[in-house]
């Protein structure tokens, strides 16, 4: 049997393997994601509801939608997607993340299909989804173009791809690396490599070349006074998110 090619960077996977046990500690190494999660969840659910004509205020508004959370970690996005009624597959290349995610889902009474696998392996197996969530992953893979191609292959025609990453700017170096890793110590030193960050225009080009049609992009902006995150249509200088659609088979 032919083995699917992979864009996994073993060094990047090892970083997150080492932090696996801390996924659900809001004051641990994943504190930045816990802080960002409400903002990115609001963006994701708004995009899904608009694309599939769903009422977010309804009970289980995403019932009938199959969602892949690629790079799911401990399940910070998989769990709310499941609560909204989606049929969720959470996939991660870091093996130690999966039992952490499974145990927390069981404790929360949620049925989520967590797998230690890759986007390429899922695509090779013929898996298809209505939505692919690709959050804070593309800056950690060895070949972003090939990786996004696998994400497109995983989408049904008309499917939605939501991808967030970090811009490659002097501001992102100051905040995402110096600030988060060295000053605030929210993340271990070396979690991010600035040269692997991707600008919004570069990501749009990669998405187009992968066969996806970008339809939206917003910035995630941190307010140090209010100590919270918000969406911005203009400020994409550090963290940002895009939505794309698979137009045809």
C-alpha atoms as a PDB file:
ATOM      1  CA  UNK A   1       0.000   0.000   0.000  1.00  0.00           C
ATOM      2  CA  UNK A   2       1.345   3.408  -0.939  1.00  0.00           C
ATOM      3  CA  UNK A   3       2.041   5.701   1.993  1.00  0.00           C
ATOM      4  CA  UNK A   4       0.703   9.242   1.714  1.00  0.00           C
ATOM      5  CA  UNK A   5       3.299  11.980   1.420  1.00  0.00           C
ATOM      6  CA  UNK A   6       3.504  14.268   4.409  1.00  0.00           C
ATOM      7  CA  UNK A   7       4.305  17.901   5.081  1.00  0.00           C
ATOM      8  CA  UNK A   8       4.829  17.245   8.790  1.00  0.00           C
ATOM      9  CA  UNK A   9       7.858  18.921  10.315  1.00  0.00           C
ATOM     10  CA  UNK A  10       9.074  16.554  13.056  1.00  0.00           C
ATOM     11  CA  UNK A  11      10.795  19.355  14.957  1.00  0.00           C
ATOM     12  CA  UNK A  12       7.566  21.357  15.088  1.00  0.00           C
ATOM     13  CA  UNK A  13       5.563  18.311  16.205  1.00  0.00           C
ATOM     14  CA  UNK A  14       8.034  17.660  19.029  1.00  0.00           C
ATOM     15  CA  UNK A  15       7.443  21.164  20.420  1.00  0.00           C
ATOM     16  CA  UNK A  16       3.724  20.520  20.846  1.00  0.00           C
ATOM     17  CA  UNK A  17       4.209  16.939  22.047  1.00  0.00           C
ATOM     18  CA  UNK A  18       6.164  18.381  24.978  1.00  0.00           C
ATOM     19  CA  UNK A  19       3.264  20.662  25.941  1.00  0.00           C
ATOM     20  CA  UNK A  20       0.396  18.183  25.401  1.00  0.00           C
ATOM     21  CA  UNK A  21      -0.641  17.774  29.038  1.00  0.00           C
ATOM     22  CA  UNK A  22      -1.232  21.508  29.423  1.00  0.00           C
ATOM     23  CA  UNK A  23      -3.867  21.993  26.696  1.00  0.00           C
ATOM     24  CA  UNK A  24      -6.772  22.591  29.078  1.00  0.00           C
ATOM     25  CA  UNK A  25      -4.904  24.707  31.628  1.00  0.00           C
ATOM     26  CA  UNK A  26      -6.067  28.301  30.911  1.00  0.00           C
ATOM     27  CA  UNK A  27      -2.993  29.633  32.684  1.00  0.00           C
ATOM     28  CA  UNK A  28      -0.504  27.179  31.180  1.00  0.00           C
ATOM     29  CA  UNK A  29       1.556  27.173  28.010  1.00  0.00           C
ATOM     30  CA  UNK A  30      -1.557  27.494  25.848  1.00  0.00           C
ATOM     31  CA  UNK A  31      -2.870  30.568  27.650  1.00  0.00           C
ATOM     32  CA  UNK A  32      -2.695  32.661  24.431  1.00  0.00           C
ATOM     33  CA  UNK A  33      -5.007  30.216  22.645  1.00  0.00           C
ATOM     34  CA  UNK A  34      -7.464  30.162  25.543  1.00  0.00           C
ATOM     35  CA  UNK A  35      -7.551  33.961  25.406  1.00  0.00           C
ATOM     36  CA  UNK A  36      -7.945  33.997  21.612  1.00  0.00           C
ATOM     37  CA  UNK A  37     -10.464  31.157  21.434  1.00  0.00           C
ATOM     38  CA  UNK A  38     -13.712  33.153  21.940  1.00  0.00           C
ATOM     39  CA  UNK A  39     -12.709  35.592  19.183  1.00  0.00           C
ATOM     40  CA  UNK A  40     -11.697  32.964  16.658  1.00  0.00           C
ATOM     41  CA  UNK A  41     -14.738  30.830  17.523  1.00  0.00           C
ATOM     42  CA  UNK A  42     -17.002  33.815  16.819  1.00  0.00           C
ATOM     43  CA  UNK A  43     -15.327  34.289  13.435  1.00  0.00           C
ATOM     44  CA  UNK A  44     -15.534  30.590  12.525  1.00  0.00           C
ATOM     45  CA  UNK A  45     -19.179  30.156  13.484  1.00  0.00           C
ATOM     46  CA  UNK A  46     -20.167  33.356  11.656  1.00  0.00           C
ATOM     47  CA  UNK A  47     -18.489  32.137   8.458  1.00  0.00           C
ATOM     48  CA  UNK A  48     -20.015  28.654   8.662  1.00  0.00           C
ATOM     49  CA  UNK A  49     -23.485  29.997   9.403  1.00  0.00           C
ATOM     50  CA  UNK A  50     -23.307  32.399   6.445  1.00  0.00           C
ATOM     51  CA  UNK A  51     -22.016  29.790   3.991  1.00  0.00           C
ATOM     52  CA  UNK A  52     -24.478  27.049   4.962  1.00  0.00           C
ATOM     53  CA  UNK A  53     -27.425  29.312   5.860  1.00  0.00           C
ATOM     54  CA  UNK A  54     -27.566  28.308   9.517  1.00  0.00           C
ATOM     55  CA  UNK A  55     -29.028  30.213  12.473  1.00  0.00           C
ATOM     56  CA  UNK A  56     -26.363  30.371  15.178  1.00  0.00           C
ATOM     57  CA  UNK A  57     -29.022  30.939  17.853  1.00  0.00           C
ATOM     58  CA  UNK A  58     -30.736  27.625  17.066  1.00  0.00           C
ATOM     59  CA  UNK A  59     -30.138  24.420  18.992  1.00  0.00           C
ATOM     60  CA  UNK A  60     -27.358  22.442  17.280  1.00  0.00           C
ATOM     61  CA  UNK A  61     -27.168  24.849  14.294  1.00  0.00           C
ATOM     62  CA  UNK A  62     -24.396  22.870  12.583  1.00  0.00           C
ATOM     63  CA  UNK A  63     -26.195  19.521  12.697  1.00  0.00           C
ATOM     64  CA  UNK A  64     -25.503  17.582   9.498  1.00  0.00           C
ATOM     65  CA  UNK A  65     -22.168  19.293   8.815  1.00  0.00           C
ATOM     66  CA  UNK A  66     -18.969  17.251   8.913  1.00  0.00           C
ATOM     67  CA  UNK A  67     -16.098  19.324  10.304  1.00  0.00           C
ATOM     68  CA  UNK A  68     -12.377  18.552  10.348  1.00  0.00           C
ATOM     69  CA  UNK A  69     -10.248  20.331  12.950  1.00  0.00           C
ATOM     70  CA  UNK A  70      -6.752  19.708  11.567  1.00  0.00           C
ATOM     71  CA  UNK A  71      -4.054  20.290  14.166  1.00  0.00           C
ATOM     72  CA  UNK A  72      -6.720  19.955  16.848  1.00  0.00           C
ATOM     73  CA  UNK A  73      -4.345  19.884  19.801  1.00  0.00           C
ATOM     74  CA  UNK A  74      -6.322  19.242  22.961  1.00  0.00           C
ATOM     75  CA  UNK A  75      -9.655  20.041  21.307  1.00  0.00           C
ATOM     76  CA  UNK A  76     -10.152  23.733  22.079  1.00  0.00           C
ATOM     77  CA  UNK A  77     -12.106  24.177  18.828  1.00  0.00           C
ATOM     78  CA  UNK A  78     -13.318  20.614  18.304  1.00  0.00           C
ATOM     79  CA  UNK A  79     -15.402  20.664  21.480  1.00  0.00           C
ATOM     80  CA  UNK A  80     -17.425  23.838  20.750  1.00  0.00           C
ATOM     81  CA  UNK A  81     -17.999  22.608  17.175  1.00  0.00           C
ATOM     82  CA  UNK A  82     -19.410  19.369  18.580  1.00  0.00           C
ATOM     83  CA  UNK A  83     -21.616  21.298  21.014  1.00  0.00           C
ATOM     84  CA  UNK A  84     -23.034  23.186  18.027  1.00  0.00           C
ATOM     85  CA  UNK A  85     -24.121  19.881  16.511  1.00  0.00           C
ATOM     86  CA  UNK A  86     -21.355  19.231  13.980  1.00  0.00           C
ATOM     87  CA  UNK A  87     -19.942  15.761  13.317  1.00  0.00           C
ATOM     88  CA  UNK A  88     -16.320  16.504  14.275  1.00  0.00           C
ATOM     89  CA  UNK A  89     -13.074  14.783  13.387  1.00  0.00           C
ATOM     90  CA  UNK A  90     -10.079  16.168  15.291  1.00  0.00           C
ATOM     91  CA  UNK A  91      -6.711  15.271  13.755  1.00  0.00           C
ATOM     92  CA  UNK A  92      -3.211  15.999  15.022  1.00  0.00           C
ATOM     93  CA  UNK A  93       0.290  14.884  14.044  1.00  0.00           C
ATOM     94  CA  UNK A  94       1.427  15.110  17.696  1.00  0.00           C
ATOM     95  CA  UNK A  95       0.433  11.716  19.082  1.00  0.00           C
ATOM     96  CA  UNK A  96       0.395  12.800  22.731  1.00  0.00           C
ATOM     97  CA  UNK A  97      -2.311  15.384  22.041  1.00  0.00           C
ATOM     98  CA  UNK A  98      -4.899  12.757  21.105  1.00  0.00           C
ATOM     99  CA  UNK A  99      -5.413  10.984  24.470  1.00  0.00           C
ATOM    100  CA  UNK A 100      -5.565  14.388  26.182  1.00  0.00           C
ATOM    101  CA  UNK A 101      -8.301  15.475  23.758  1.00  0.00           C
ATOM    102  CA  UNK A 102     -10.188  12.177  24.062  1.00  0.00           C
ATOM    103  CA  UNK A 103     -10.248  12.203  27.847  1.00  0.00           C
ATOM    104  CA  UNK A 104     -11.444  15.806  28.023  1.00  0.00           C
ATOM    105  CA  UNK A 105     -14.196  15.152  25.453  1.00  0.00           C
ATOM    106  CA  UNK A 106     -15.383  12.116  27.416  1.00  0.00           C
ATOM    107  CA  UNK A 107     -15.422  14.142  30.630  1.00  0.00           C
ATOM    108  CA  UNK A 108     -17.467  16.791  28.790  1.00  0.00           C
ATOM    109  CA  UNK A 109     -19.935  14.223  27.440  1.00  0.00           C
ATOM    110  CA  UNK A 110     -18.972  14.882  23.812  1.00  0.00           C
ATOM    111  CA  UNK A 111     -18.595  12.364  20.969  1.00  0.00           C
ATOM    112  CA  UNK A 112     -15.601  13.503  18.906  1.00  0.00           C
ATOM    113  CA  UNK A 113     -13.574  11.337  16.528  1.00  0.00           C
ATOM    114  CA  UNK A 114      -9.971  12.149  17.474  1.00  0.00           C
ATOM    115  CA  UNK A 115      -7.194  10.674  15.329  1.00  0.00           C
ATOM    116  CA  UNK A 116      -3.397  10.729  15.305  1.00  0.00           C
ATOM    117  CA  UNK A 117      -3.011  11.401  11.587  1.00  0.00           C
ATOM    118  CA  UNK A 118      -2.217  14.025   8.959  1.00  0.00           C
ATOM    119  CA  UNK A 119      -4.128  16.000   6.345  1.00  0.00           C
ATOM    120  CA  UNK A 120      -2.331  14.086   3.619  1.00  0.00           C
ATOM    121  CA  UNK A 121      -3.259  10.691   5.082  1.00  0.00           C
ATOM    122  CA  UNK A 122      -6.901  11.699   5.445  1.00  0.00           C
ATOM    123  CA  UNK A 123      -6.960  12.946   1.842  1.00  0.00           C
ATOM    124  CA  UNK A 124      -5.336   9.730   0.596  1.00  0.00           C
ATOM    125  CA  UNK A 125      -8.057   7.772   2.430  1.00  0.00           C
ATOM    126  CA  UNK A 126     -10.750   9.700   0.532  1.00  0.00           C
ATOM    127  CA  UNK A 127     -12.172  11.531   3.546  1.00  0.00           C
ATOM    128  CA  UNK A 128     -14.396  14.533   2.776  1.00  0.00           C
ATOM    129  CA  UNK A 129     -15.720  17.356   4.939  1.00  0.00           C
ATOM    130  CA  UNK A 130     -18.061  20.328   4.704  1.00  0.00           C
ATOM    131  CA  UNK A 131     -15.644  22.449   6.745  1.00  0.00           C
ATOM    132  CA  UNK A 132     -11.901  22.253   7.346  1.00  0.00           C
ATOM    133  CA  UNK A 133     -10.579  24.284  10.270  1.00  0.00           C
ATOM    134  CA  UNK A 134      -6.866  24.913   9.802  1.00  0.00           C
ATOM    135  CA  UNK A 135      -5.979  27.163  12.717  1.00  0.00           C
ATOM    136  CA  UNK A 136      -2.410  28.094  13.642  1.00  0.00           C
ATOM    137  CA  UNK A 137      -0.969  25.140  11.711  1.00  0.00           C
ATOM    138  CA  UNK A 138       0.264  26.318   8.306  1.00  0.00           C
ATOM    139  CA  UNK A 139       3.251  28.151   9.834  1.00  0.00           C
ATOM    140  CA  UNK A 140       4.450  24.865  11.354  1.00  0.00           C
ATOM    141  CA  UNK A 141       4.481  22.606   8.259  1.00  0.00           C
ATOM    142  CA  UNK A 142       7.427  21.926   5.958  1.00  0.00           C
ATOM    143  CA  UNK A 143       5.583  22.649   2.688  1.00  0.00           C
ATOM    144  CA  UNK A 144       2.616  25.050   3.038  1.00  0.00           C
ATOM    145  CA  UNK A 145       1.621  24.728  -0.650  1.00  0.00           C
ATOM    146  CA  UNK A 146       1.376  20.937  -0.538  1.00  0.00           C
ATOM    147  CA  UNK A 147      -0.345  21.056   2.842  1.00  0.00           C
ATOM    148  CA  UNK A 148      -3.034  23.463   1.608  1.00  0.00           C
ATOM    149  CA  UNK A 149      -3.499  21.264  -1.451  1.00  0.00           C
ATOM    150  CA  UNK A 150      -4.307  18.356   0.868  1.00  0.00           C
ATOM    151  CA  UNK A 151      -6.753  20.567   2.788  1.00  0.00           C
ATOM    152  CA  UNK A 152      -8.541  21.429  -0.463  1.00  0.00           C
ATOM    153  CA  UNK A 153      -8.742  17.747  -1.380  1.00  0.00           C
ATOM    154  CA  UNK A 154     -10.457  17.085   1.955  1.00  0.00           C
ATOM    155  CA  UNK A 155     -13.292  19.513   1.178  1.00  0.00           C
ATOM    156  CA  UNK A 156     -16.541  18.639  -0.523  1.00  0.00           C
ATOM    157  CA  UNK A 157     -17.452  20.927  -3.458  1.00  0.00           C
ATOM    158  CA  UNK A 158     -18.765  24.128  -1.897  1.00  0.00           C
ATOM    159  CA  UNK A 159     -16.924  23.338   1.325  1.00  0.00           C
ATOM    160  CA  UNK A 160     -15.416  25.969   3.605  1.00  0.00           C
ATOM    161  CA  UNK A 161     -11.769  26.301   4.599  1.00  0.00           C
ATOM    162  CA  UNK A 162     -10.892  28.546   7.559  1.00  0.00           C
ATOM    163  CA  UNK A 163      -7.183  29.184   8.049  1.00  0.00           C
ATOM    164  CA  UNK A 164      -5.435  31.372  10.606  1.00  0.00           C
ATOM    165  CA  UNK A 165      -1.734  32.092  10.950  1.00  0.00           C
ATOM    166  CA  UNK A 166       0.758  34.848  11.831  1.00  0.00           C
ATOM    167  CA  UNK A 167       1.945  37.632   9.534  1.00  0.00           C
ATOM    168  CA  UNK A 168       5.675  38.072   8.924  1.00  0.00           C
ATOM    169  CA  UNK A 169       6.232  41.640  10.127  1.00  0.00           C
ATOM    170  CA  UNK A 170       8.460  43.428  12.600  1.00  0.00           C
ATOM    171  CA  UNK A 171       5.393  43.821  14.818  1.00  0.00           C
ATOM    172  CA  UNK A 172       4.724  40.075  14.807  1.00  0.00           C
ATOM    173  CA  UNK A 173       8.353  39.432  15.771  1.00  0.00           C
ATOM    174  CA  UNK A 174       8.018  41.872  18.654  1.00  0.00           C
ATOM    175  CA  UNK A 175       4.665  40.576  19.912  1.00  0.00           C
ATOM    176  CA  UNK A 176       4.366  36.899  18.905  1.00  0.00           C
ATOM    177  CA  UNK A 177       7.964  35.955  19.641  1.00  0.00           C
ATOM    178  CA  UNK A 178       9.662  38.488  21.925  1.00  0.00           C
ATOM    179  CA  UNK A 179       6.484  39.406  23.819  1.00  0.00           C
ATOM    180  CA  UNK A 180       4.733  36.021  24.051  1.00  0.00           C
ATOM    181  CA  UNK A 181       7.818  33.811  24.432  1.00  0.00           C
ATOM    182  CA  UNK A 182      10.402  35.954  26.224  1.00  0.00           C
ATOM    183  CA  UNK A 183       8.566  38.722  28.105  1.00  0.00           C
ATOM    184  CA  UNK A 184       5.161  37.266  29.064  1.00  0.00           C
ATOM    185  CA  UNK A 185       6.456  33.667  28.867  1.00  0.00           C
ATOM    186  CA  UNK A 186       3.077  32.502  27.607  1.00  0.00           C
ATOM    187  CA  UNK A 187       4.849  30.084  25.247  1.00  0.00           C
ATOM    188  CA  UNK A 188       8.151  28.204  25.491  1.00  0.00           C
ATOM    189  CA  UNK A 189      11.044  29.915  23.753  1.00  0.00           C
ATOM    190  CA  UNK A 190      11.357  28.686  20.180  1.00  0.00           C
ATOM    191  CA  UNK A 191       7.670  27.829  19.705  1.00  0.00           C
ATOM    192  CA  UNK A 192       7.552  30.021  16.603  1.00  0.00           C
ATOM    193  CA  UNK A 193      10.074  30.708  13.855  1.00  0.00           C
ATOM    194  CA  UNK A 194       9.591  34.198  12.391  1.00  0.00           C
ATOM    195  CA  UNK A 195      10.903  33.185   8.965  1.00  0.00           C
ATOM    196  CA  UNK A 196       8.074  30.608   8.696  1.00  0.00           C
ATOM    197  CA  UNK A 197       5.371  33.230   9.216  1.00  0.00           C
ATOM    198  CA  UNK A 198       3.281  33.948   6.101  1.00  0.00           C
ATOM    199  CA  UNK A 199       2.000  37.320   4.921  1.00  0.00           C
ATOM    200  CA  UNK A 200      -1.703  37.651   3.970  1.00  0.00           C
ATOM    201  CA  UNK A 201      -0.835  38.154   0.298  1.00  0.00           C
ATOM    202  CA  UNK A 202       1.426  35.096   0.334  1.00  0.00           C
ATOM    203  CA  UNK A 203      -1.328  33.025   1.941  1.00  0.00           C
ATOM    204  CA  UNK A 204      -3.902  34.228  -0.595  1.00  0.00           C
ATOM    205  CA  UNK A 205      -1.524  33.202  -3.380  1.00  0.00           C
ATOM    206  CA  UNK A 206      -0.993  29.791  -1.780  1.00  0.00           C
ATOM    207  CA  UNK A 207      -4.749  29.303  -1.388  1.00  0.00           C
ATOM    208  CA  UNK A 208      -5.396  30.241  -5.027  1.00  0.00           C
ATOM    209  CA  UNK A 209      -2.682  27.864  -6.211  1.00  0.00           C
ATOM    210  CA  UNK A 210      -4.183  25.101  -4.068  1.00  0.00           C
ATOM    211  CA  UNK A 211      -7.503  25.554  -5.868  1.00  0.00           C
ATOM    212  CA  UNK A 212      -9.331  27.444  -3.141  1.00  0.00           C
ATOM    213  CA  UNK A 213     -11.157  30.755  -3.577  1.00  0.00           C
ATOM    214  CA  UNK A 214     -10.488  33.197  -0.689  1.00  0.00           C
ATOM    215  CA  UNK A 215     -13.604  35.159   0.243  1.00  0.00           C
ATOM    216  CA  UNK A 216     -12.657  36.895   3.494  1.00  0.00           C
ATOM    217  CA  UNK A 217      -9.794  37.826   5.785  1.00  0.00           C
ATOM    218  CA  UNK A 218      -9.673  39.549   9.138  1.00  0.00           C
ATOM    219  CA  UNK A 219      -7.085  40.381  11.759  1.00  0.00           C
ATOM    220  CA  UNK A 220      -7.080  39.134  15.341  1.00  0.00           C
ATOM    221  CA  UNK A 221      -6.032  42.142  17.428  1.00  0.00           C
ATOM    222  CA  UNK A 222      -5.034  42.005  21.091  1.00  0.00           C
ATOM    223  CA  UNK A 223      -5.937  44.952  23.326  1.00  0.00           C
ATOM    224  CA  UNK A 224      -3.469  45.086  26.274  1.00  0.00           C
ATOM    225  CA  UNK A 225      -5.711  47.507  28.189  1.00  0.00           C
ATOM    226  CA  UNK A 226      -8.933  45.500  27.932  1.00  0.00           C
ATOM    227  CA  UNK A 227      -6.852  42.298  27.902  1.00  0.00           C
ATOM    228  CA  UNK A 228      -8.912  40.718  25.142  1.00  0.00           C
ATOM    229  CA  UNK A 229      -8.937  39.939  21.428  1.00  0.00           C
ATOM    230  CA  UNK A 230     -11.174  41.398  18.732  1.00  0.00           C
ATOM    231  CA  UNK A 231     -11.598  41.126  14.966  1.00  0.00           C
ATOM    232  CA  UNK A 232     -10.337  43.851  12.659  1.00  0.00           C
ATOM    233  CA  UNK A 233     -11.035  44.226   8.921  1.00  0.00           C
ATOM    234  CA  UNK A 234      -7.839  46.284   8.502  1.00  0.00           C
ATOM    235  CA  UNK A 235      -5.184  45.299  11.046  1.00  0.00           C
ATOM    236  CA  UNK A 236      -3.634  42.029   9.855  1.00  0.00           C
ATOM    237  CA  UNK A 237      -0.174  42.936  11.135  1.00  0.00           C
ATOM    238  CA  UNK A 238       0.181  40.026  13.579  1.00  0.00           C
ATOM    239  CA  UNK A 239      -2.499  37.309  13.823  1.00  0.00           C
ATOM    240  CA  UNK A 240      -5.030  36.955  11.023  1.00  0.00           C
ATOM    241  CA  UNK A 241      -7.587  34.536   9.623  1.00  0.00           C
ATOM    242  CA  UNK A 242      -8.906  33.746   6.136  1.00  0.00           C
ATOM    243  CA  UNK A 243     -11.954  31.967   4.759  1.00  0.00           C
ATOM    244  CA  UNK A 244     -11.917  30.197   1.398  1.00  0.00           C
ATOM    245  CA  UNK A 245     -14.398  28.132  -0.584  1.00  0.00           C
ATOM    246  CA  UNK A 246     -13.862  25.084  -2.780  1.00  0.00           C
ATOM    247  CA  UNK A 247     -15.741  26.183  -5.866  1.00  0.00           C
ATOM    248  CA  UNK A 248     -15.658  22.955  -7.846  1.00  0.00           C
ATOM    249  CA  UNK A 249     -14.837  19.271  -7.526  1.00  0.00           C
END
